[in-house]
Amino acid sequence: MLCTHVLENIVLDLIKYMYFLNLPMEQDCENWMAYKLFHTQLKVQSIIDCLEIEIEQSSNAPHQALTWSNYKKTNTLKYLISSTPDGIINFISEGFGGRITDKEIIEASDFLNALPPCDVMADRGFKAIAGLSKQKNCNLVRPSSVESGTKSTKEEVKGSKHIASLRIHIERVIRFREFTILDKHACLNHELVPKLDFFIIVACGIVNLQGPLIIH
């Protein structure tokens, strides 16, 4: 008789396989570049972002410290999510304590090791991973940083606006916020925290069943 844990793992593997929660092969990029929206020199296969879900404050001091998010100013679990240019979720990490940085979650999730050489689109907050992406022959595409006392050129402003217009799709992809239990302010009960990875993957599978955001 299968134990609950083994059965859950089998179900998750099936969902990942059936609903395409895996990173694209290099040749897939050529099809996506046919979209008018992505008629650039970029070969974007992955648009990444992090999402956080609020959980109850733990009475355990170490757990409380590990899940404290300086960004959200509350205790959270943090996930790295990636979508294809047309809005299909192709990667979701396991949950990490909200204290983890963007660079640390990239490393811990083994995300870059699964990518073929390509362009990865992210926001300014992922600046620290530029070195990591180069090691994997991946180019990090993000809006240019604005330093104090300096003024961006017209080209930089135009480029940043273009990247921002493309990155908006990762925000639209996170449609599983529609599920009450996965709302960013859900304040998830401690008893449900161990099941959150399961809930997230199932929700991603359901979102992918709705089809891509961009129809070609």
Protein backbone atom coordinates (compact mmCIF):
# COMPACT_ATOMS: atom_id res chain seq x y z
CA MET A 1 0.00 0.00 0.00
CA LEU A 2 1.42 3.39 -1.01
CA CYS A 3 2.02 5.92 1.75
CA THR A 4 0.64 9.44 1.33
CA HIS A 5 4.08 10.98 0.74
CA VAL A 6 4.94 8.59 -2.10
CA LEU A 7 1.53 9.07 -3.70
CA GLU A 8 1.90 12.86 -3.57
CA ASN A 9 5.28 12.64 -5.31
CA ILE A 10 3.80 10.45 -8.04
CA VAL A 11 0.95 12.92 -8.59
CA LEU A 12 3.37 15.88 -8.74
CA ASP A 13 5.58 14.13 -11.29
CA LEU A 14 2.53 13.41 -13.43
CA ILE A 15 1.39 17.03 -13.25
CA LYS A 16 4.84 18.30 -14.23
CA TYR A 17 4.92 15.91 -17.20
CA MET A 18 1.33 16.37 -18.36
CA TYR A 19 1.10 20.13 -17.96
CA PHE A 20 4.54 21.05 -19.29
CA LEU A 21 6.13 22.34 -16.08
CA ASN A 22 9.57 21.90 -17.54
CA LEU A 23 12.11 24.17 -19.18
CA PRO A 24 12.07 24.46 -22.99
CA MET A 25 14.49 22.91 -25.42
CA GLU A 26 16.67 25.30 -27.39
CA GLN A 27 14.81 24.78 -30.66
CA ASP A 28 11.54 25.92 -29.06
CA CYS A 29 12.92 29.44 -28.88
CA GLU A 30 12.75 29.83 -32.68
CA ASN A 31 8.99 29.31 -32.63
CA TRP A 32 8.48 31.90 -29.90
CA MET A 33 10.56 34.46 -31.75
CA ALA A 34 7.87 34.44 -34.43
CA TYR A 35 5.64 36.46 -32.12
CA LYS A 36 5.51 40.08 -33.16
CA LEU A 37 5.90 41.06 -29.53
CA PHE A 38 9.33 39.46 -29.45
CA HIS A 39 10.66 40.67 -32.77
CA THR A 40 14.01 41.69 -31.32
CA GLN A 41 17.52 40.29 -31.27
CA LEU A 42 16.71 38.59 -27.97
CA LYS A 43 16.38 34.83 -27.68
CA VAL A 44 14.27 34.81 -24.55
CA GLN A 45 13.22 31.39 -23.37
CA SER A 46 12.50 32.28 -19.78
CA ILE A 47 10.95 35.23 -17.97
CA ILE A 48 11.57 34.87 -14.25
CA ASP A 49 10.24 36.39 -11.07
CA CYS A 50 9.80 35.51 -7.42
CA LEU A 51 6.51 35.29 -5.58
CA GLU A 52 5.91 35.17 -1.86
CA ILE A 53 2.99 33.78 0.12
CA GLU A 54 2.38 34.95 3.65
CA ILE A 55 2.37 32.32 6.39
CA GLU A 56 1.62 32.41 10.09
CA GLN A 57 4.46 33.49 12.34
CA SER A 58 6.16 30.46 13.84
CA SER A 59 6.71 30.13 17.59
CA ASN A 60 10.06 28.55 16.71
CA ALA A 61 12.65 31.38 16.66
CA PRO A 62 14.95 29.88 13.94
CA HIS A 63 11.96 29.13 11.69
CA GLN A 64 10.64 32.63 12.27
CA ALA A 65 13.99 34.13 11.27
CA LEU A 66 14.33 31.97 8.14
CA THR A 67 10.87 32.87 6.87
CA TRP A 68 11.01 36.60 7.62
CA SER A 69 10.86 38.63 4.41
CA ASN A 70 12.43 42.08 4.54
CA TYR A 71 10.63 42.87 1.29
CA LYS A 72 7.15 41.89 2.48
CA LYS A 73 7.78 42.74 6.15
CA THR A 74 6.13 39.51 7.24
CA ASN A 75 6.81 35.76 7.32
CA THR A 76 6.59 34.16 3.90
CA LEU A 77 7.52 31.23 1.69
CA LYS A 78 9.27 32.33 -1.50
CA TYR A 79 9.16 30.67 -4.92
CA LEU A 80 11.06 31.20 -8.16
CA ILE A 81 8.76 31.03 -11.16
CA SER A 82 9.54 31.06 -14.87
CA SER A 83 7.32 31.32 -17.92
CA THR A 84 7.85 31.05 -21.65
CA PRO A 85 7.41 34.23 -23.74
CA ASP A 86 3.84 33.23 -24.57
CA GLY A 87 2.90 32.82 -20.92
CA ILE A 88 3.17 29.11 -20.15
CA ILE A 89 4.69 28.28 -16.76
CA ASN A 90 7.76 26.15 -17.37
CA PHE A 91 9.43 26.17 -13.97
CA ILE A 92 8.39 26.52 -10.34
CA SER A 93 10.84 25.98 -7.52
CA GLU A 94 10.19 24.42 -4.17
CA GLY A 95 9.34 26.85 -1.41
CA PHE A 96 12.10 28.62 0.52
CA GLY A 97 12.01 30.79 3.61
CA GLY A 98 11.25 34.44 2.80
CA ARG A 99 14.71 35.45 4.01
CA ILE A 100 16.38 33.93 0.94
CA THR A 101 17.74 36.36 -1.66
CA ASP A 102 17.04 36.23 -5.38
CA LYS A 103 20.59 35.04 -6.06
CA GLU A 104 20.37 32.34 -3.39
CA ILE A 105 17.04 31.01 -4.68
CA ILE A 106 18.45 30.82 -8.23
CA GLU A 107 21.37 28.76 -6.92
CA ALA A 108 19.36 26.58 -4.53
CA SER A 109 16.65 25.76 -7.09
CA ASP A 110 19.23 24.62 -9.69
CA PHE A 111 17.28 26.64 -12.24
CA LEU A 112 20.17 27.75 -14.45
CA ASN A 113 21.58 24.23 -14.71
CA ALA A 114 18.36 23.17 -16.45
CA LEU A 115 18.48 25.96 -19.05
CA PRO A 116 20.02 25.72 -22.51
CA PRO A 117 22.06 28.77 -23.61
CA CYS A 118 19.54 31.57 -24.04
CA ASP A 119 18.37 34.97 -22.81
CA VAL A 120 16.68 35.09 -19.39
CA MET A 121 14.51 38.10 -18.70
CA ALA A 122 14.18 39.49 -15.17
CA ASP A 123 13.68 42.74 -13.32
CA ARG A 124 16.33 44.97 -11.73
CA GLY A 125 16.25 42.97 -8.49
CA PHE A 126 18.05 40.07 -10.17
CA LYS A 127 21.21 42.09 -10.89
CA ALA A 128 23.25 39.84 -8.58
CA ILE A 129 22.72 36.77 -10.78
CA ALA A 130 24.35 38.26 -13.88
CA GLY A 131 27.61 36.45 -13.11
CA LEU A 132 25.84 33.15 -12.50
CA SER A 133 23.94 33.36 -15.79
CA LYS A 134 27.15 34.04 -17.76
CA GLN A 135 28.74 30.93 -16.27
CA LYS A 136 25.86 28.92 -17.77
CA ASN A 137 26.11 30.70 -21.15
CA CYS A 138 22.86 32.50 -20.44
CA ASN A 139 22.41 36.23 -20.98
CA LEU A 140 20.49 38.16 -18.30
CA VAL A 141 18.14 40.71 -19.84
CA ARG A 142 16.82 43.33 -17.43
CA PRO A 143 16.09 47.07 -17.28
CA SER A 144 19.20 49.19 -16.88
CA SER A 145 20.04 50.31 -13.34
CA VAL A 146 19.93 54.00 -12.54
CA GLU A 147 22.75 55.18 -10.33
CA SER A 148 22.46 58.22 -8.10
CA GLY A 149 23.48 61.44 -9.86
CA THR A 150 23.39 59.92 -13.34
CA LYS A 151 20.85 60.26 -16.12
CA SER A 152 19.80 57.42 -18.40
CA THR A 153 20.28 57.81 -22.12
CA LYS A 154 17.33 57.75 -24.49
CA GLU A 155 18.40 54.29 -25.66
CA GLU A 156 18.50 52.98 -22.07
CA VAL A 157 15.08 54.43 -21.30
CA LYS A 158 13.63 52.95 -24.48
CA GLY A 159 15.23 49.57 -23.77
CA SER A 160 13.99 49.52 -20.17
CA LYS A 161 10.44 50.35 -21.26
CA HIS A 162 10.54 47.56 -23.85
CA ILE A 163 11.78 44.99 -21.33
CA ALA A 164 9.15 46.13 -18.79
CA SER A 165 6.41 45.70 -21.41
CA LEU A 166 7.55 42.11 -22.00
CA ARG A 167 8.06 41.27 -18.34
CA ILE A 168 4.46 42.16 -17.52
CA HIS A 169 3.54 38.69 -18.81
CA ILE A 170 5.13 36.97 -15.80
CA GLU A 171 2.79 39.02 -13.60
CA ARG A 172 -0.15 37.91 -15.70
CA VAL A 173 1.05 34.31 -15.57
CA ILE A 174 0.72 34.17 -11.79
CA ARG A 175 -3.01 33.62 -12.21
CA PHE A 176 -3.12 31.04 -9.45
CA ARG A 177 -3.45 33.99 -7.07
CA GLU A 178 -7.12 33.52 -7.89
CA PHE A 179 -7.03 30.53 -5.55
CA THR A 180 -7.73 31.89 -2.06
CA ILE A 181 -5.22 29.60 -0.38
CA LEU A 182 -2.46 30.97 -2.64
CA ASP A 183 -3.25 34.65 -2.24
CA LYS A 184 -0.16 36.66 -1.28
CA HIS A 185 -1.85 37.65 1.99
CA ALA A 186 -3.31 34.21 2.69
CA CYS A 187 -1.42 33.95 6.00
CA LEU A 188 -1.28 30.19 5.61
CA ASN A 189 -1.78 28.04 8.67
CA HIS A 190 1.32 26.13 9.87
CA GLU A 191 -0.42 22.80 9.31
CA LEU A 192 -0.76 23.63 5.59
CA VAL A 193 2.77 24.96 5.02
CA PRO A 194 4.26 21.48 4.29
CA LYS A 195 1.59 21.04 1.58
CA LEU A 196 2.19 24.41 -0.10
CA ASP A 197 4.60 23.04 -2.72
CA PHE A 198 1.92 20.53 -3.72
CA PHE A 199 -0.75 23.26 -3.94
CA ILE A 200 1.52 25.49 -6.03
CA ILE A 201 2.37 22.80 -8.60
CA VAL A 202 -1.26 21.74 -8.96
CA ALA A 203 -2.26 25.39 -9.44
CA CYS A 204 0.45 25.88 -12.09
CA GLY A 205 -0.85 22.83 -13.93
CA ILE A 206 -4.38 24.26 -13.88
CA VAL A 207 -3.11 27.64 -15.13
CA ASN A 208 -1.30 25.96 -18.03
CA LEU A 209 -4.49 24.13 -18.96
CA GLN A 210 -6.04 27.55 -19.63
CA GLY A 211 -3.63 27.94 -22.53
CA PRO A 212 -0.99 30.55 -23.40
CA LEU A 213 -1.53 34.27 -22.77
CA ILE A 214 -0.37 35.13 -26.29
CA ILE A 215 -1.99 33.32 -29.19
CA HIS A 216 0.14 33.03 -32.33
